[in-house]
Protein backbone atom coordinates (compact mmCIF):
# COMPACT_ATOMS: atom_id res chain seq x y z
CA MET A 1 -2.43 -35.26 -14.41
CA ALA A 2 -1.04 -31.70 -14.49
CA ASP A 3 2.24 -30.85 -16.44
CA LYS A 4 5.01 -31.19 -13.91
CA GLU A 5 6.62 -27.73 -15.40
CA LEU A 6 3.46 -25.94 -14.48
CA LEU A 7 3.36 -27.73 -10.95
CA ARG A 8 7.00 -26.31 -10.42
CA GLN A 9 6.03 -22.98 -11.60
CA LEU A 10 3.10 -22.72 -9.54
CA GLN A 11 5.40 -23.86 -6.34
CA GLU A 12 7.90 -21.28 -7.34
CA CYS A 13 5.28 -18.56 -7.73
CA PHE A 14 3.45 -19.37 -4.76
CA ASN A 15 6.63 -18.99 -2.71
CA GLU A 16 7.16 -15.64 -4.03
CA CYS A 17 3.60 -14.65 -3.27
CA LYS A 18 3.90 -15.68 0.40
CA PRO A 19 4.95 -12.45 1.88
CA ALA A 20 1.73 -10.76 0.35
CA PHE A 21 -0.48 -13.63 1.36
CA ILE A 22 0.81 -13.23 4.98
CA ALA A 23 0.62 -9.33 4.93
CA MET A 24 -3.11 -9.52 3.56
CA GLY A 25 -3.96 -12.36 5.95
CA ASP A 26 -4.16 -9.83 8.93
CA GLU A 27 -7.42 -7.93 9.55
CA VAL A 28 -5.45 -4.88 10.74
CA ARG A 29 -3.29 -4.79 7.79
CA LEU A 30 -6.47 -4.97 5.46
CA THR A 31 -7.94 -2.13 7.32
CA ILE A 32 -4.49 -0.01 6.55
CA ILE A 33 -4.81 -1.02 3.05
CA ASN A 34 -8.48 -0.01 2.99
CA VAL A 35 -7.71 3.34 4.61
CA LEU A 36 -4.81 3.91 2.22
CA ALA A 37 -6.92 2.93 -0.78
CA THR A 38 -9.67 5.16 0.17
CA LYS A 39 -7.40 8.10 0.59
CA ALA A 40 -5.69 7.23 -2.96
CA LEU A 41 -9.03 7.21 -4.69
CA THR A 42 -10.94 9.93 -2.91
CA GLY A 43 -8.19 12.42 -1.82
CA HIS A 44 -9.19 11.98 1.82
CA ALA A 45 -9.30 9.35 4.57
CA PRO A 46 -12.43 7.26 5.09
CA GLY A 47 -14.95 9.20 7.35
CA ALA A 48 -12.89 12.38 7.20
CA SER A 49 -14.89 15.58 6.22
CA SER A 50 -13.39 18.03 4.08
CA GLU A 51 -12.77 20.16 6.97
CA ASP A 52 -10.89 17.26 8.78
CA ALA A 53 -8.86 17.03 5.49
CA ARG A 54 -8.14 20.80 5.77
CA LEU A 55 -6.93 20.58 9.40
CA VAL A 56 -4.86 17.73 8.77
CA SER A 57 -3.05 19.45 5.78
CA SER A 58 -2.46 22.57 7.78
CA ASP A 59 -1.05 20.50 10.81
CA PRO A 60 2.85 21.20 10.68
CA ALA A 61 3.47 17.65 11.92
CA VAL A 62 1.71 16.22 8.72
CA PRO A 63 3.41 17.74 5.68
CA GLY A 64 1.22 19.03 2.93
CA ILE A 65 1.79 18.80 -0.73
CA PRO A 66 4.82 20.66 -1.60
CA ASP A 67 4.73 22.99 -4.44
CA SER A 68 7.10 21.72 -7.12
CA SER A 69 7.02 25.34 -8.68
CA ASP A 70 8.59 26.70 -5.44
CA SER A 71 11.14 23.94 -4.79
CA PRO A 72 12.76 22.55 -8.15
CA ALA A 73 14.02 19.65 -5.68
CA VAL A 74 10.49 18.49 -5.30
CA SER A 75 9.53 16.06 -8.13
CA ASP A 76 6.04 15.53 -9.54
CA ASP A 77 6.12 12.01 -8.46
CA LEU A 78 6.90 13.01 -4.71
CA ALA A 79 4.05 15.74 -4.69
CA ALA A 80 1.64 12.86 -5.97
CA ALA A 81 2.54 10.20 -3.52
CA ILE A 82 2.28 12.60 -0.59
CA LYS A 83 -1.12 13.45 -2.16
CA LYS A 84 -2.50 10.00 -2.08
CA GLY A 85 -0.64 8.80 1.03
CA MET A 86 -0.98 9.25 4.65
CA SER A 87 1.45 9.69 7.50
CA VAL A 88 1.51 7.15 10.56
CA LYS A 89 -0.32 10.06 12.61
CA GLU A 90 -3.01 10.16 10.00
CA ILE A 91 -3.54 6.50 9.69
CA THR A 92 -3.40 6.18 13.73
CA ASN A 93 -6.26 8.63 13.65
CA MET A 94 -8.39 6.70 11.04
CA THR A 95 -7.84 3.00 12.90
CA LYS A 96 -7.78 3.76 16.45
CA LEU A 97 -4.38 1.72 16.77
CA SER A 98 -1.36 2.84 18.57
CA ARG A 99 1.66 4.21 16.32
CA PRO A 100 3.78 1.57 17.25
CA ALA A 101 1.30 -1.05 15.99
CA ILE A 102 0.84 1.00 12.86
CA SER A 103 4.46 1.29 12.07
CA HIS A 104 4.73 -2.51 12.57
CA HIS A 105 1.92 -3.19 10.27
CA LEU A 106 3.16 -0.63 7.72
CA LYS A 107 6.86 -2.28 7.85
CA ILE A 108 5.19 -5.86 7.06
CA LEU A 109 3.09 -4.36 4.23
CA LYS A 110 6.15 -2.38 2.71
CA LYS A 111 8.41 -5.53 2.91
CA ALA A 112 5.57 -7.56 1.04
CA GLY A 113 5.45 -4.91 -1.76
CA LEU A 114 1.94 -3.55 -1.11
CA VAL A 115 2.92 -0.26 0.53
CA ASP A 116 5.65 2.16 -0.01
CA SER A 117 6.73 5.45 1.35
CA VAL A 118 8.62 8.74 0.80
CA GLN A 119 9.85 11.24 3.11
CA ALA A 120 8.41 14.50 3.49
CA GLY A 121 10.06 16.76 6.09
CA THR A 122 10.27 14.80 9.32
CA SER A 123 7.31 12.45 8.33
CA ASN A 124 7.22 9.47 6.17
CA ILE A 125 4.27 9.28 3.79
CA TYR A 126 2.84 5.69 3.17
CA TYR A 127 0.94 4.89 -0.05
CA ILE A 128 -0.34 1.87 -1.80
CA THR A 129 2.00 0.44 -4.57
CA PHE A 130 0.83 -2.74 -5.94
CA SER A 131 2.84 -3.03 -9.09
CA ALA A 132 5.13 -5.91 -8.40
CA THR A 133 2.77 -7.73 -6.27
CA THR A 134 0.24 -7.33 -8.82
CA ASP A 135 2.43 -8.89 -11.35
CA LEU A 136 3.31 -11.80 -9.20
CA LEU A 137 -0.46 -12.49 -8.23
CA HIS A 138 -1.44 -12.10 -12.00
CA GLN A 139 1.31 -14.74 -12.86
CA LEU A 140 0.06 -17.14 -10.01
CA THR A 141 -3.45 -16.68 -11.24
CA SER A 142 -2.39 -17.26 -14.91
CA ILE A 143 -0.59 -20.68 -13.86
CA LEU A 144 -3.65 -21.54 -11.77
CA TYR A 145 -5.89 -21.36 -15.09
CA LYS A 146 -3.63 -23.24 -17.07
CA LEU A 147 -3.65 -26.15 -14.48
CA LYS A 148 -7.50 -25.82 -14.21
CA GLY A 149 -7.68 -26.12 -18.01
CA LYS A 150 -5.29 -29.12 -18.13
CA ASN A 151 -7.62 -30.86 -15.35
CA GLU A 152 -10.90 -30.35 -17.04
């Protein structure tokens, strides 16, 4: 029989992970995560050509990367978030969902700690941020491995 303290920790950790599990349990939200992950890794959205990326970055409704040398108020962190993130308009173009649907799913992802946003001009730029959620999932996995070891 597993240690009661470990089972209590498992229950507590599982409850803390519920928002992430719920957020990741939807195919649309997984698609949004995939689009944002691709953008963060490659610098452009999936399926977008370099020409598409150039056009989006020149669209005044989709802010580009601010030059921190021109504006001391723009931090390097903000510029990096904008570079690896996407606006609702960009995500809508990649997923073919409506803007309200994308906004709804982004709100759930943000509440779960899987996505964060920064304001750039009149747009919000959304990007993946797994830090706190990754720590929780790691803790859950660690407890599960401990329980597995005690039951073998």
